[in-house]
Protein backbone atom coordinates (compact mmCIF):
# COMPACT_ATOMS: atom_id res chain seq x y z
CA MET A 1 16.73 1.29 11.16
CA PRO A 2 14.28 4.24 11.24
CA SER A 3 13.70 5.92 14.57
CA TRP A 4 10.25 6.33 16.08
CA LYS A 5 8.57 7.67 19.17
CA ALA A 6 8.42 5.40 22.22
CA SER A 7 5.04 6.87 23.19
CA ALA A 8 2.09 7.69 20.94
CA PRO A 9 3.55 6.04 17.83
CA VAL A 10 1.75 6.17 14.52
CA VAL A 11 1.46 2.59 13.32
CA GLY A 12 0.35 1.65 9.84
CA PHE A 13 -1.12 -1.69 8.87
CA ASP A 14 -1.74 -3.34 5.54
CA LEU A 15 -5.21 -4.89 5.34
CA ASP A 16 -5.57 -8.22 3.47
CA LEU A 17 -3.80 -11.08 5.28
CA THR A 18 -2.42 -8.64 7.84
CA LEU A 19 -5.54 -7.46 9.69
CA LEU A 20 -8.23 -8.92 7.43
CA ASP A 21 -8.91 -12.45 6.22
CA ALA A 22 -11.04 -11.90 3.13
CA ARG A 23 -10.12 -15.13 1.36
CA ALA A 24 -13.52 -16.80 1.59
CA GLY A 25 -15.23 -13.65 0.39
CA ILE A 26 -12.78 -13.14 -2.45
CA ARG A 27 -13.40 -16.69 -3.63
CA ALA A 28 -17.15 -16.06 -3.54
CA THR A 29 -16.77 -12.77 -5.38
CA PHE A 30 -14.71 -14.29 -8.17
CA ALA A 31 -17.21 -17.14 -8.46
CA ALA A 32 -19.99 -14.61 -8.97
CA LEU A 33 -17.86 -12.66 -11.44
CA SER A 34 -17.14 -15.84 -13.40
CA ASP A 35 -20.84 -16.66 -13.52
CA GLU A 36 -21.62 -13.21 -14.93
CA THR A 37 -18.78 -12.96 -17.45
CA GLY A 38 -18.36 -16.60 -18.47
CA VAL A 39 -14.63 -16.29 -17.75
CA THR A 40 -13.34 -19.00 -15.44
CA VAL A 41 -11.04 -17.56 -12.77
CA ASP A 42 -9.02 -19.85 -10.51
CA ALA A 43 -10.00 -18.24 -7.22
CA ASP A 44 -7.66 -20.47 -5.20
CA LEU A 45 -4.75 -19.19 -7.27
CA VAL A 46 -5.96 -15.63 -6.78
CA VAL A 47 -6.07 -15.86 -2.99
CA SER A 48 -2.60 -17.43 -2.94
CA ARG A 49 -1.10 -14.17 -4.25
CA LEU A 50 -3.11 -11.39 -2.64
CA GLY A 51 -1.44 -8.04 -2.23
CA PRO A 52 -1.09 -6.23 -5.57
CA PRO A 53 -3.93 -4.08 -6.97
CA LEU A 54 -7.07 -5.80 -8.23
CA GLU A 55 -6.42 -4.64 -11.78
CA ASN A 56 -3.11 -6.53 -11.82
CA GLU A 57 -4.92 -9.75 -10.99
CA LEU A 58 -7.75 -9.21 -13.43
CA ALA A 59 -5.21 -8.68 -16.23
CA HIS A 60 -4.32 -12.37 -15.90
CA TRP A 61 -7.87 -13.36 -16.84
CA PHE A 62 -9.42 -10.62 -18.96
CA PRO A 63 -8.31 -8.58 -22.02
CA ALA A 64 -6.68 -5.31 -21.03
CA ALA A 65 -9.47 -3.25 -22.56
CA ASP A 66 -12.04 -5.01 -20.33
CA VAL A 67 -10.17 -4.69 -17.04
CA PRO A 68 -11.49 -1.27 -15.89
CA ALA A 69 -15.13 -2.27 -16.33
CA VAL A 70 -14.59 -5.71 -14.81
CA ALA A 71 -12.83 -4.13 -11.83
CA THR A 72 -15.81 -1.86 -11.25
CA ARG A 73 -18.18 -4.81 -11.35
CA TYR A 74 -15.93 -6.89 -9.11
CA ARG A 75 -15.99 -4.18 -6.45
CA GLU A 76 -19.78 -4.05 -6.62
CA LEU A 77 -19.90 -7.82 -6.13
CA TYR A 78 -17.28 -7.64 -3.37
CA ALA A 79 -19.55 -5.43 -1.29
CA VAL A 80 -22.25 -8.09 -1.55
CA HIS A 81 -20.25 -11.30 -1.24
CA ALA A 82 -16.98 -10.50 0.52
CA VAL A 83 -17.62 -7.75 3.04
CA PRO A 84 -20.22 -9.83 4.96
CA ALA A 85 -17.78 -12.77 4.95
CA SER A 86 -14.87 -10.70 6.29
CA ARG A 87 -13.02 -12.11 9.27
CA PRO A 88 -10.16 -10.66 11.31
CA MET A 89 -6.79 -12.30 11.02
CA PRO A 90 -5.73 -14.04 14.25
CA ASP A 91 -4.64 -11.47 16.85
CA ALA A 92 -5.64 -8.49 14.69
CA SER A 93 -7.56 -6.86 17.53
CA ALA A 94 -4.68 -7.45 19.93
CA ALA A 95 -2.25 -5.79 17.51
CA VAL A 96 -4.43 -2.70 17.29
CA GLU A 97 -4.98 -2.64 21.04
CA ALA A 98 -1.20 -2.70 21.62
CA VAL A 99 -0.92 0.55 19.67
CA ARG A 100 -3.80 2.08 21.61
CA ARG A 101 -2.11 1.16 24.89
CA LEU A 102 0.72 3.47 23.85
CA ALA A 103 -1.80 6.20 22.96
CA GLY A 104 -0.85 5.65 19.33
CA ARG A 105 -2.71 6.19 16.07
CA ILE A 106 -3.71 3.52 13.54
CA VAL A 107 -3.40 4.13 9.80
CA VAL A 108 -4.50 1.41 7.37
CA VAL A 109 -2.85 1.59 3.94
CA THR A 110 -4.04 -0.94 1.39
CA ALA A 111 -4.41 -1.77 -2.29
CA LYS A 112 -8.12 -2.33 -1.65
CA SER A 113 -10.38 0.62 -2.44
CA THR A 114 -10.85 2.98 0.48
CA ALA A 115 -14.60 2.40 0.60
CA LEU A 116 -14.29 -1.39 0.70
CA ALA A 117 -11.43 -1.19 3.19
CA GLU A 118 -13.54 0.94 5.52
CA ALA A 119 -16.51 -1.41 5.17
CA SER A 120 -14.29 -4.43 5.85
CA LEU A 121 -12.77 -2.84 8.95
CA GLU A 122 -16.20 -1.99 10.28
CA ARG A 123 -17.30 -5.59 9.70
CA ILE A 124 -14.39 -7.00 11.71
CA GLY A 125 -14.71 -4.41 14.47
CA ILE A 126 -11.45 -2.55 13.98
CA THR A 127 -11.36 1.25 14.06
CA ALA A 128 -8.59 3.09 12.26
CA ASP A 129 -7.78 6.78 12.57
CA ALA A 130 -7.19 6.95 8.83
CA VAL A 131 -7.68 4.62 5.86
CA GLU A 132 -5.80 5.09 2.59
CA GLY A 133 -6.85 2.81 -0.25
CA ALA A 134 -5.79 1.99 -3.81
CA LEU A 135 -2.08 2.09 -2.92
CA PHE A 136 0.62 -0.52 -3.38
CA ALA A 137 4.39 -0.78 -2.90
CA ARG A 138 6.04 2.63 -3.44
CA THR A 139 2.74 4.50 -3.58
CA LYS A 140 2.04 3.33 -0.03
CA GLY A 141 5.10 5.31 0.98
CA VAL A 142 3.40 8.57 0.01
CA ALA A 143 0.55 7.90 2.46
CA LEU A 144 2.96 6.80 5.16
CA ARG A 145 4.87 10.07 4.91
CA THR A 146 1.65 12.10 4.84
CA HIS A 147 0.47 10.50 8.07
CA ARG A 148 3.99 10.45 9.59
CA VAL A 149 3.78 6.71 10.16
CA ASP A 150 6.56 5.39 12.41
CA VAL A 151 6.03 1.65 11.95
CA PHE A 152 4.33 -0.14 9.05
CA VAL A 153 3.18 -3.74 9.35
CA GLY A 154 2.40 -5.88 6.32
CA ASP A 155 2.56 -9.37 4.85
CA HIS A 156 3.74 -8.59 1.33
CA THR A 157 7.07 -7.54 -0.16
CA GLY A 158 5.22 -4.53 -1.56
CA ASP A 159 4.47 -3.48 2.02
CA MET A 160 8.15 -3.56 2.88
CA ILE A 161 8.96 -1.47 -0.18
CA GLY A 162 6.26 1.00 0.82
CA ALA A 163 7.56 1.21 4.38
CA ARG A 164 11.09 1.95 3.19
CA GLU A 165 9.77 4.53 0.73
CA GLY A 166 7.74 6.15 3.50
CA GLY A 167 10.56 6.27 6.03
CA ALA A 168 8.80 3.89 8.42
CA LEU A 169 10.24 0.93 10.25
CA ALA A 170 9.19 -2.08 8.16
CA VAL A 171 7.66 -4.98 10.10
CA GLY A 172 6.86 -8.05 8.05
CA VAL A 173 4.43 -10.72 9.18
CA ALA A 174 4.69 -14.05 7.37
CA THR A 175 0.93 -14.55 7.21
CA GLY A 176 0.46 -13.90 3.50
CA PRO A 177 1.97 -15.06 0.21
CA CYS A 178 5.52 -13.93 0.98
CA SER A 179 8.03 -15.91 3.02
CA ALA A 180 10.12 -14.47 5.83
CA SER A 181 13.19 -14.47 3.60
CA GLU A 182 11.31 -12.66 0.83
CA LEU A 183 10.14 -10.02 3.30
CA GLN A 184 13.70 -9.56 4.55
CA THR A 185 15.05 -9.25 1.02
CA ALA A 186 12.42 -6.61 0.28
CA GLY A 187 13.67 -4.50 3.18
CA ALA A 188 11.94 -5.65 6.35
CA ASP A 189 13.65 -4.38 9.50
CA VAL A 190 11.81 -7.00 11.56
CA VAL A 191 10.02 -10.19 10.50
CA LEU A 192 7.46 -11.87 12.75
CA ALA A 193 5.98 -15.29 12.12
CA ARG A 194 2.49 -14.14 13.07
CA LEU A 195 0.64 -11.01 14.08
CA GLY A 196 0.34 -12.31 17.63
CA ALA A 197 4.04 -11.58 18.06
CA PHE A 198 3.52 -7.91 17.26
CA PRO A 199 2.09 -6.65 20.61
CA PRO A 200 4.99 -7.93 22.74
CA TRP A 201 7.48 -6.72 20.14
CA LEU A 202 5.90 -3.24 20.01
CA LEU A 203 5.58 -2.86 23.76
CA GLY A 204 9.11 -4.17 24.24
CA GLU A 205 10.45 -1.66 21.71
CA ALA A 206 8.54 1.16 23.40
CA THR A 207 10.08 0.23 26.74
CA ARG A 208 13.55 -0.01 25.23
CA ARG A 209 13.25 3.37 23.51
CA SER A 210 11.71 5.25 26.45
């Protein structure tokens, strides 16, 4: 298990279904996109498998040659339909506050674009010290190493892969599309049923390591 500082840890968080509940907004955005393009997208199916990059999802519905342009338009629509509908995941603020209590830093690493991630965080009232967007799985590891992240928290197997790649302790929260067993198989050092379990775990670990 990776080591980390008991005081002033650098803690990374994934965004969608870890800190941010964007499901209602994503449904609305895909509905608007379907209206514009005439392509019917099953938004409920989309939100059941959030995590990978947008382009991966769009490739299920649009010809490969159209995906870059559709992705650009989706992000424009997301700013209109999804950002205002953004909600924090339960206990997201408490998870961030637990890091601050240890004088730690917060780094958000997400597959969402950096601009939309920053707008979403502002909407839900969470301040990060750094936001790194457009990253998934192993590419998240690059950002984690750059920011010297000690602990990375996420809901997707890709987050666990990224944490391992980045040398961070991998904490899985079973609040997204991946089960606890899937998170463990992907390399999670710790799996929590919900984000509300993170503050006592973090503070307990800090006490144990001090």
